[in-house]
């Protein structure tokens, strides 16, 4: 509830209040002699001026109410004003009472100023040919009615601002859920494209075919790691987040497959404390996308091994690799990295940071 209402929303609430309470105020204020249509037409300019003044004062009062709500939410929590507790009701009534007092004082000042100007231009003696129907008793009654109406108006303004803000929060949650679902689908697509594609499977099976004739024990281990990697993808790709240890176990299996494929020209060094692996969470397949990008865009050899480091730094999981640009760079859409950034924007207020210099490519992931 810390977000301010927009000017358009404030004017919308002000118009609601104007349309709801102006007829009631006119009904209370007009004497019986002025309730005919001809009399109402005669005082129509006064009604327009009165409504315009009220509209402006409503906007000011709603702005103050909006500020009060944000302060109360900051002090007592976002859900405080949404509840039905006695404390919430009493504070709401107290704030509305203060706003009603402010509204009444502002209205009196404005009307007194207008009356002063009118009396200077047209003295009362020039247009008062008969006694005024507004006796002191009538004026006192109208004053009390105005005070009551001011409290009711401010209560309405207070709850209308809460209602609009609650509706806006609900809409934001719905949009966030829709975006999260879309990002999850994009993540699944990226994972399927990089991992479950026929090309990747063909390479894995080709490597396995060669291993069977050369090293039966290694081929058995290759099958186990391949099965483990595919099982993780199939089981976790629909989750918003998974334990860090689960993701790291998958990366170890995935790294093993890549090391066999690239003949140990590639290495992933994991330096994350065991307690962090058990306590922290991560979006699934995040590390896989980063490791895949490192392999795709960097050259590697026995003499110039590609080393990807994964380690914890405060509340961040850091993935870094040296920049060893290929002679013939692979085309990049940037979809994988952008997918990670977008998913974390929906999961947390802390953003994924990407840093690139002459020697290192570093991605910091909030955990």
Protein backbone atom coordinates (compact mmCIF):
# COMPACT_ATOMS: atom_id res chain seq x y z
CA UNK A 1 0.00 0.00 0.00
CA UNK A 2 3.01 2.29 -0.27
CA UNK A 3 2.18 3.29 -3.86
CA UNK A 4 0.52 6.67 -4.28
CA UNK A 5 -2.79 7.01 -6.03
CA UNK A 6 -2.48 8.65 -9.42
CA UNK A 7 -4.04 12.04 -10.12
CA UNK A 8 -6.58 10.36 -12.40
CA UNK A 9 -7.65 8.04 -9.58
CA UNK A 10 -7.99 10.95 -7.15
CA UNK A 11 -10.15 12.92 -9.59
CA UNK A 12 -12.22 9.78 -10.16
CA UNK A 13 -12.93 9.45 -6.43
CA UNK A 14 -13.64 13.19 -6.18
CA UNK A 15 -16.22 12.91 -8.97
CA UNK A 16 -17.83 9.93 -7.24
CA UNK A 17 -18.18 11.96 -4.04
CA UNK A 18 -19.45 15.00 -5.92
CA UNK A 19 -22.13 13.01 -7.74
CA UNK A 20 -23.18 11.23 -4.55
CA UNK A 21 -23.28 14.05 -2.02
CA UNK A 22 -24.02 17.24 -3.98
CA UNK A 23 -27.75 16.41 -4.38
CA UNK A 24 -27.95 15.61 -0.66
CA UNK A 25 -26.22 18.85 0.32
CA UNK A 26 -28.51 20.87 -1.93
CA UNK A 27 -31.55 19.12 -0.47
CA UNK A 28 -30.43 20.08 3.05
CA UNK A 29 -29.36 23.64 2.21
CA UNK A 30 -32.21 24.83 -0.02
CA UNK A 31 -35.21 26.32 1.79
CA UNK A 32 -38.70 25.20 0.85
CA UNK A 33 -39.28 28.34 -1.21
CA UNK A 34 -36.38 27.42 -3.52
CA UNK A 35 -37.32 23.80 -4.28
CA UNK A 36 -39.21 24.54 -7.51
CA UNK A 37 -37.53 23.98 -10.88
CA UNK A 38 -37.70 27.68 -11.73
CA UNK A 39 -35.96 28.58 -8.46
CA UNK A 40 -33.29 25.93 -9.01
CA UNK A 41 -32.60 27.27 -12.51
CA UNK A 42 -32.26 30.75 -11.01
CA UNK A 43 -29.55 29.63 -8.59
CA UNK A 44 -27.86 27.30 -11.06
CA UNK A 45 -24.71 29.48 -11.26
CA UNK A 46 -24.39 29.22 -7.49
CA UNK A 47 -24.78 25.42 -7.68
CA UNK A 48 -22.05 25.18 -10.34
CA UNK A 49 -19.66 27.31 -8.28
CA UNK A 50 -20.49 25.32 -5.13
CA UNK A 51 -19.91 22.00 -6.93
CA UNK A 52 -16.62 23.20 -8.45
CA UNK A 53 -15.33 24.31 -5.05
CA UNK A 54 -16.35 21.01 -3.49
CA UNK A 55 -14.65 19.07 -6.29
CA UNK A 56 -11.35 20.84 -5.67
CA UNK A 57 -11.62 20.38 -1.90
CA UNK A 58 -12.49 16.71 -2.36
CA UNK A 59 -9.30 16.28 -4.41
CA UNK A 60 -7.21 17.94 -1.70
CA UNK A 61 -8.85 15.82 1.03
CA UNK A 62 -8.34 12.61 -0.95
CA UNK A 63 -4.65 13.49 -1.40
CA UNK A 64 -4.31 13.92 2.36
CA UNK A 65 -6.25 10.66 2.97
CA UNK A 66 -3.93 8.87 0.55
CA UNK A 67 -0.89 10.13 2.45
CA UNK A 68 -2.43 9.09 5.79
CA UNK A 69 -3.15 5.59 4.51
CA UNK A 70 0.41 5.13 3.29
CA UNK A 71 1.75 6.26 6.66
CA UNK A 72 -0.57 3.89 8.55
CA UNK A 73 0.45 1.03 6.27
CA UNK A 74 4.11 1.84 6.84
CA UNK A 75 3.62 1.83 10.61
CA UNK A 76 1.20 -1.08 11.06
CA UNK A 77 1.64 -3.20 7.93
CA UNK A 78 0.07 -3.35 4.48
CA UNK A 79 -2.96 -5.37 5.61
CA UNK A 80 -3.84 -3.17 8.59
CA UNK A 81 -6.47 -1.04 6.85
CA UNK A 82 -7.89 -4.05 5.00
CA UNK A 83 -8.94 -5.75 8.21
CA UNK A 84 -12.00 -5.28 10.39
CA UNK A 85 -10.25 -4.86 13.74
CA UNK A 86 -11.47 -2.28 16.25
CA UNK A 87 -8.08 -0.57 16.13
CA UNK A 88 -8.32 -0.21 12.36
CA UNK A 89 -11.87 1.15 12.59
CA UNK A 90 -11.04 3.66 15.35
CA UNK A 91 -7.99 4.98 13.51
CA UNK A 92 -9.97 5.23 10.29
CA UNK A 93 -12.72 7.18 12.06
CA UNK A 94 -10.20 9.45 13.80
CA UNK A 95 -8.42 10.25 10.54
CA UNK A 96 -11.75 10.84 8.80
CA UNK A 97 -12.81 13.18 11.61
CA UNK A 98 -9.62 15.21 11.20
CA UNK A 99 -10.09 15.30 7.44
CA UNK A 100 -13.71 16.40 7.91
CA UNK A 101 -12.53 19.24 10.15
CA UNK A 102 -9.95 20.23 7.54
CA UNK A 103 -12.54 20.03 4.76
CA UNK A 104 -15.07 22.12 6.70
CA UNK A 105 -12.52 24.80 7.53
CA UNK A 106 -11.33 25.01 3.94
CA UNK A 107 -14.92 25.21 2.67
CA UNK A 108 -15.79 27.97 5.16
CA UNK A 109 -12.69 29.96 4.20
CA UNK A 110 -13.46 29.69 0.50
CA UNK A 111 -17.16 30.54 0.89
CA UNK A 112 -16.41 33.44 3.25
CA UNK A 113 -13.92 34.78 0.71
CA UNK A 114 -16.46 34.52 -2.10
CA UNK A 115 -19.17 36.15 0.06
CA UNK A 116 -16.82 39.02 0.91
CA UNK A 117 -16.06 39.66 -2.76
CA UNK A 118 -19.75 39.46 -3.71
CA UNK A 119 -20.75 41.89 -0.92
CA UNK A 120 -18.11 44.35 -2.06
CA UNK A 121 -19.43 44.30 -5.62
CA UNK A 122 -23.13 44.02 -4.80
CA UNK A 123 -23.99 45.29 -1.30
CA UNK A 124 -26.80 43.32 0.37
CA UNK A 125 -29.07 46.37 0.29
CA UNK A 126 -29.17 46.24 -3.51
CA UNK A 127 -30.72 42.76 -3.73
CA UNK A 128 -32.30 41.99 -0.33
CA UNK A 129 -35.90 43.17 -0.76
CA UNK A 130 -37.37 40.71 1.73
CA UNK A 131 -36.21 38.97 4.89
CA UNK A 132 -33.81 36.07 4.40
CA UNK A 133 -35.24 32.59 5.10
CA UNK A 134 -31.92 31.69 6.73
CA UNK A 135 -32.57 32.65 10.36
CA UNK A 136 -29.84 32.08 12.97
CA UNK A 137 -31.54 28.82 13.99
CA UNK A 138 -31.66 27.62 10.37
CA UNK A 139 -28.02 28.56 9.83
CA UNK A 140 -27.02 26.69 13.01
CA UNK A 141 -28.91 23.62 11.81
CA UNK A 142 -27.29 23.82 8.38
CA UNK A 143 -23.88 24.15 10.05
CA UNK A 144 -24.44 20.99 12.12
CA UNK A 145 -25.70 19.14 9.03
CA UNK A 146 -22.60 20.22 7.11
CA UNK A 147 -20.34 18.91 9.88
CA UNK A 148 -22.09 15.53 9.84
CA UNK A 149 -21.97 15.38 6.06
CA UNK A 150 -18.28 16.27 6.13
CA UNK A 151 -17.53 13.29 8.39
CA UNK A 152 -19.59 10.97 6.20
CA UNK A 153 -17.93 12.33 3.04
CA UNK A 154 -14.44 11.85 4.46
CA UNK A 155 -15.27 8.33 5.64
CA UNK A 156 -16.51 7.59 2.13
CA UNK A 157 -13.37 9.14 0.62
CA UNK A 158 -11.16 7.12 2.96
CA UNK A 159 -12.81 3.81 2.12
CA UNK A 160 -13.04 4.61 -1.58
CA UNK A 161 -9.28 5.18 -1.68
CA UNK A 162 -8.77 1.87 0.13
CA UNK A 163 -11.13 0.15 -2.28
CA UNK A 164 -9.40 1.51 -5.38
CA UNK A 165 -5.98 0.65 -3.97
CA UNK A 166 -7.14 -2.87 -3.09
CA UNK A 167 -8.53 -3.32 -6.59
CA UNK A 168 -5.26 -2.08 -8.04
CA UNK A 169 -3.28 -4.53 -5.88
CA UNK A 170 -5.57 -7.37 -6.95
CA UNK A 171 -5.08 -6.44 -10.59
CA UNK A 172 -1.31 -6.25 -10.09
CA UNK A 173 -1.33 -9.72 -8.50
CA UNK A 174 -3.34 -11.09 -11.42
CA UNK A 175 -1.00 -9.49 -13.95
CA UNK A 176 1.99 -10.78 -12.01
CA UNK A 177 0.55 -14.29 -11.99
CA UNK A 178 -0.08 -14.11 -15.74
CA UNK A 179 3.42 -12.83 -16.38
CA UNK A 180 4.90 -15.51 -14.11
CA UNK A 181 3.01 -18.17 -16.02
CA UNK A 182 4.26 -16.73 -19.30
CA UNK A 183 7.84 -16.60 -18.04
CA UNK A 184 7.55 -20.19 -16.82
CA UNK A 185 6.42 -21.25 -20.28
CA UNK A 186 9.32 -19.36 -21.84
CA UNK A 187 11.69 -21.05 -19.39
CA UNK A 188 10.28 -24.45 -20.29
CA UNK A 189 10.71 -23.62 -23.97
CA UNK A 190 14.31 -22.54 -23.42
CA UNK A 191 15.06 -25.67 -21.40
CA UNK A 192 13.47 -27.92 -23.98
CA UNK A 193 15.35 -26.14 -26.74
CA UNK A 194 18.73 -26.51 -25.01
CA UNK A 195 18.27 -29.80 -23.23
CA UNK A 196 15.53 -31.97 -24.62
CA UNK A 197 16.07 -31.10 -28.26
CA UNK A 198 16.79 -33.98 -30.66
CA UNK A 199 20.22 -32.44 -31.30
CA UNK A 200 21.25 -32.64 -27.64
CA UNK A 201 19.82 -36.11 -27.25
CA UNK A 202 21.57 -37.25 -30.45
CA UNK A 203 24.93 -35.96 -29.16
CA UNK A 204 24.42 -37.68 -25.80
CA UNK A 205 23.52 -41.01 -27.43
CA UNK A 206 26.42 -40.73 -29.87
CA UNK A 207 28.83 -40.17 -26.98
CA UNK A 208 27.27 -43.09 -25.12
CA UNK A 209 27.68 -45.34 -28.17
CA UNK A 210 31.40 -44.58 -28.27
CA UNK A 211 31.80 -45.00 -24.50
CA UNK A 212 30.24 -48.46 -24.50
CA UNK A 213 33.06 -49.80 -26.66
CA UNK A 214 35.82 -47.93 -24.83
CA UNK A 215 34.88 -47.82 -21.14
CA UNK A 216 31.91 -49.80 -19.83
CA UNK A 217 32.18 -48.38 -16.31
CA UNK A 218 32.24 -44.78 -17.59
CA UNK A 219 29.36 -45.46 -19.96
CA UNK A 220 27.31 -46.77 -17.03
CA UNK A 221 28.08 -43.63 -15.08
CA UNK A 222 27.19 -41.52 -18.15
CA UNK A 223 23.76 -43.21 -18.35
CA UNK A 224 23.11 -42.54 -14.66
CA UNK A 225 24.01 -38.84 -14.93
CA UNK A 226 22.01 -38.46 -18.15
CA UNK A 227 18.97 -40.03 -16.48
CA UNK A 228 19.43 -37.80 -13.42
CA UNK A 229 19.60 -34.64 -15.54
CA UNK A 230 16.50 -35.50 -17.56
CA UNK A 231 14.57 -36.51 -14.47
CA UNK A 232 15.31 -33.13 -12.85
CA UNK A 233 14.17 -31.23 -15.94
CA UNK A 234 10.93 -33.18 -16.20
CA UNK A 235 10.13 -32.93 -12.47
CA UNK A 236 11.18 -29.35 -11.67
CA UNK A 237 10.48 -27.33 -14.80
CA UNK A 238 6.93 -26.46 -13.58
CA UNK A 239 8.15 -25.12 -10.18
CA UNK A 240 8.66 -21.44 -9.39
CA UNK A 241 11.67 -22.21 -7.20
CA UNK A 242 13.60 -25.20 -5.87
CA UNK A 243 16.16 -25.73 -3.08
CA UNK A 244 19.62 -24.58 -4.11
CA UNK A 245 21.04 -28.01 -3.32
CA UNK A 246 18.64 -29.63 -5.81
CA UNK A 247 19.74 -27.26 -8.57
CA UNK A 248 23.42 -27.75 -7.76
CA UNK A 249 23.04 -31.55 -7.82
CA UNK A 250 21.51 -31.22 -11.28
CA UNK A 251 24.38 -28.95 -12.41
CA UNK A 252 26.88 -31.57 -11.29
CA UNK A 253 25.15 -34.18 -13.45
CA UNK A 254 24.85 -31.73 -16.34
CA UNK A 255 28.53 -30.75 -16.01
CA UNK A 256 29.55 -34.41 -16.12
CA UNK A 257 27.77 -34.84 -19.46
CA UNK A 258 29.44 -31.72 -20.89
CA UNK A 259 32.88 -32.80 -19.66
CA UNK A 260 32.56 -36.13 -21.46
CA UNK A 261 31.36 -34.33 -24.58
CA UNK A 262 34.17 -31.75 -24.57
CA UNK A 263 36.85 -34.13 -23.27
CA UNK A 264 37.50 -32.28 -20.01
CA UNK A 265 38.18 -28.91 -21.62
CA UNK A 266 35.49 -27.49 -19.39
CA UNK A 267 35.03 -27.37 -15.61
CA UNK A 268 32.45 -26.05 -13.14
CA UNK A 269 33.78 -25.17 -9.69
CA UNK A 270 31.06 -25.00 -6.99
CA UNK A 271 31.97 -23.25 -3.73
CA UNK A 272 28.73 -22.94 -1.77
CA UNK A 273 28.52 -23.93 1.93
CA UNK A 274 26.34 -26.92 2.65
CA UNK A 275 24.06 -24.97 5.00
CA UNK A 276 23.45 -22.41 2.25
CA UNK A 277 22.54 -25.16 -0.18
CA UNK A 278 19.90 -26.43 2.25
CA UNK A 279 18.49 -23.05 3.33
CA UNK A 280 18.43 -21.09 0.05
CA UNK A 281 16.15 -21.35 -2.96
CA UNK A 282 16.61 -20.65 -6.65
CA UNK A 283 14.49 -20.61 -9.81
CA UNK A 284 14.92 -24.01 -11.53
CA UNK A 285 17.23 -24.28 -14.55
CA UNK A 286 18.78 -20.87 -13.81
CA UNK A 287 22.28 -22.29 -13.47
CA UNK A 288 21.81 -24.57 -16.47
CA UNK A 289 21.06 -21.58 -18.72
CA UNK A 290 24.13 -19.71 -17.46
CA UNK A 291 26.45 -22.70 -17.85
CA UNK A 292 25.04 -23.39 -21.32
CA UNK A 293 25.68 -19.75 -22.30
CA UNK A 294 29.28 -19.97 -21.07
CA UNK A 295 29.89 -23.11 -23.14
CA UNK A 296 28.14 -21.67 -26.19
CA UNK A 297 29.99 -18.33 -26.37
CA UNK A 298 33.53 -19.21 -25.23
CA UNK A 299 36.32 -21.25 -26.74
CA UNK A 300 37.95 -24.04 -24.78
CA UNK A 301 40.89 -26.38 -25.14
CA UNK A 302 43.14 -28.59 -23.05
CA UNK A 303 45.61 -25.72 -22.71
CA UNK A 304 42.91 -23.08 -22.18
CA UNK A 305 40.27 -24.74 -20.08
CA UNK A 306 36.96 -22.94 -19.59
CA UNK A 307 36.30 -22.60 -15.86
CA UNK A 308 32.84 -21.57 -14.58
CA UNK A 309 32.76 -20.63 -10.89
CA UNK A 310 29.60 -20.77 -8.77
CA UNK A 311 29.90 -19.34 -5.26
CA UNK A 312 27.93 -17.44 -2.61
CA UNK A 313 28.57 -13.78 -1.87
CA UNK A 314 26.40 -12.42 0.95
CA UNK A 315 22.79 -12.95 -0.22
CA UNK A 316 23.79 -13.57 -3.82
CA UNK A 317 24.76 -16.61 -5.84
CA UNK A 318 27.52 -15.56 -8.23
CA UNK A 319 28.18 -17.32 -11.53
CA UNK A 320 31.28 -16.13 -13.37
CA UNK A 321 33.40 -17.30 -16.26
CA UNK A 322 36.36 -15.86 -18.16
CA UNK A 323 35.64 -14.28 -21.50
CA UNK A 324 37.37 -16.44 -24.13
CA UNK A 325 35.59 -15.30 -27.27
CA UNK A 326 35.35 -17.80 -30.10
CA UNK A 327 36.94 -17.00 -33.44
CA UNK A 328 33.52 -17.58 -35.00
CA UNK A 329 30.97 -16.44 -32.38
CA UNK A 330 27.73 -18.35 -32.00
CA UNK A 331 24.61 -16.27 -32.79
CA UNK A 332 22.85 -15.15 -29.62
CA UNK A 333 19.26 -14.05 -29.09
CA UNK A 334 19.82 -13.11 -25.44
CA UNK A 335 16.62 -14.95 -24.62
CA UNK A 336 18.10 -17.20 -21.93
CA UNK A 337 19.62 -14.41 -19.82
CA UNK A 338 16.62 -12.13 -20.28
CA UNK A 339 14.37 -15.01 -19.23
CA UNK A 340 16.27 -15.29 -15.94
CA UNK A 341 16.07 -11.52 -15.33
CA UNK A 342 12.32 -11.46 -16.03
CA UNK A 343 11.56 -14.47 -13.82
CA UNK A 344 13.42 -13.01 -10.84
CA UNK A 345 11.68 -9.67 -11.33
CA UNK A 346 8.44 -11.55 -10.62
CA UNK A 347 9.79 -13.61 -7.71
CA UNK A 348 11.63 -10.94 -5.71
CA UNK A 349 12.24 -7.18 -5.43
CA UNK A 350 15.99 -7.79 -5.82
CA UNK A 351 17.17 -7.75 -9.40
CA UNK A 352 19.56 -10.07 -11.19
CA UNK A 353 22.74 -8.14 -11.99
CA UNK A 354 24.93 -8.77 -15.03
CA UNK A 355 28.46 -7.39 -15.29
CA UNK A 356 30.88 -7.78 -18.16
CA UNK A 357 34.41 -6.43 -18.46
CA UNK A 358 37.40 -7.32 -20.61
CA UNK A 359 38.15 -10.54 -18.75
CA UNK A 360 35.08 -11.74 -16.82
CA UNK A 361 31.37 -12.27 -17.35
CA UNK A 362 29.58 -12.21 -13.97
CA UNK A 363 25.92 -12.84 -13.12
CA UNK A 364 24.67 -12.30 -9.54
CA UNK A 365 21.44 -14.08 -8.62
CA UNK A 366 19.42 -13.19 -5.48
CA UNK A 367 18.87 -16.15 -3.14
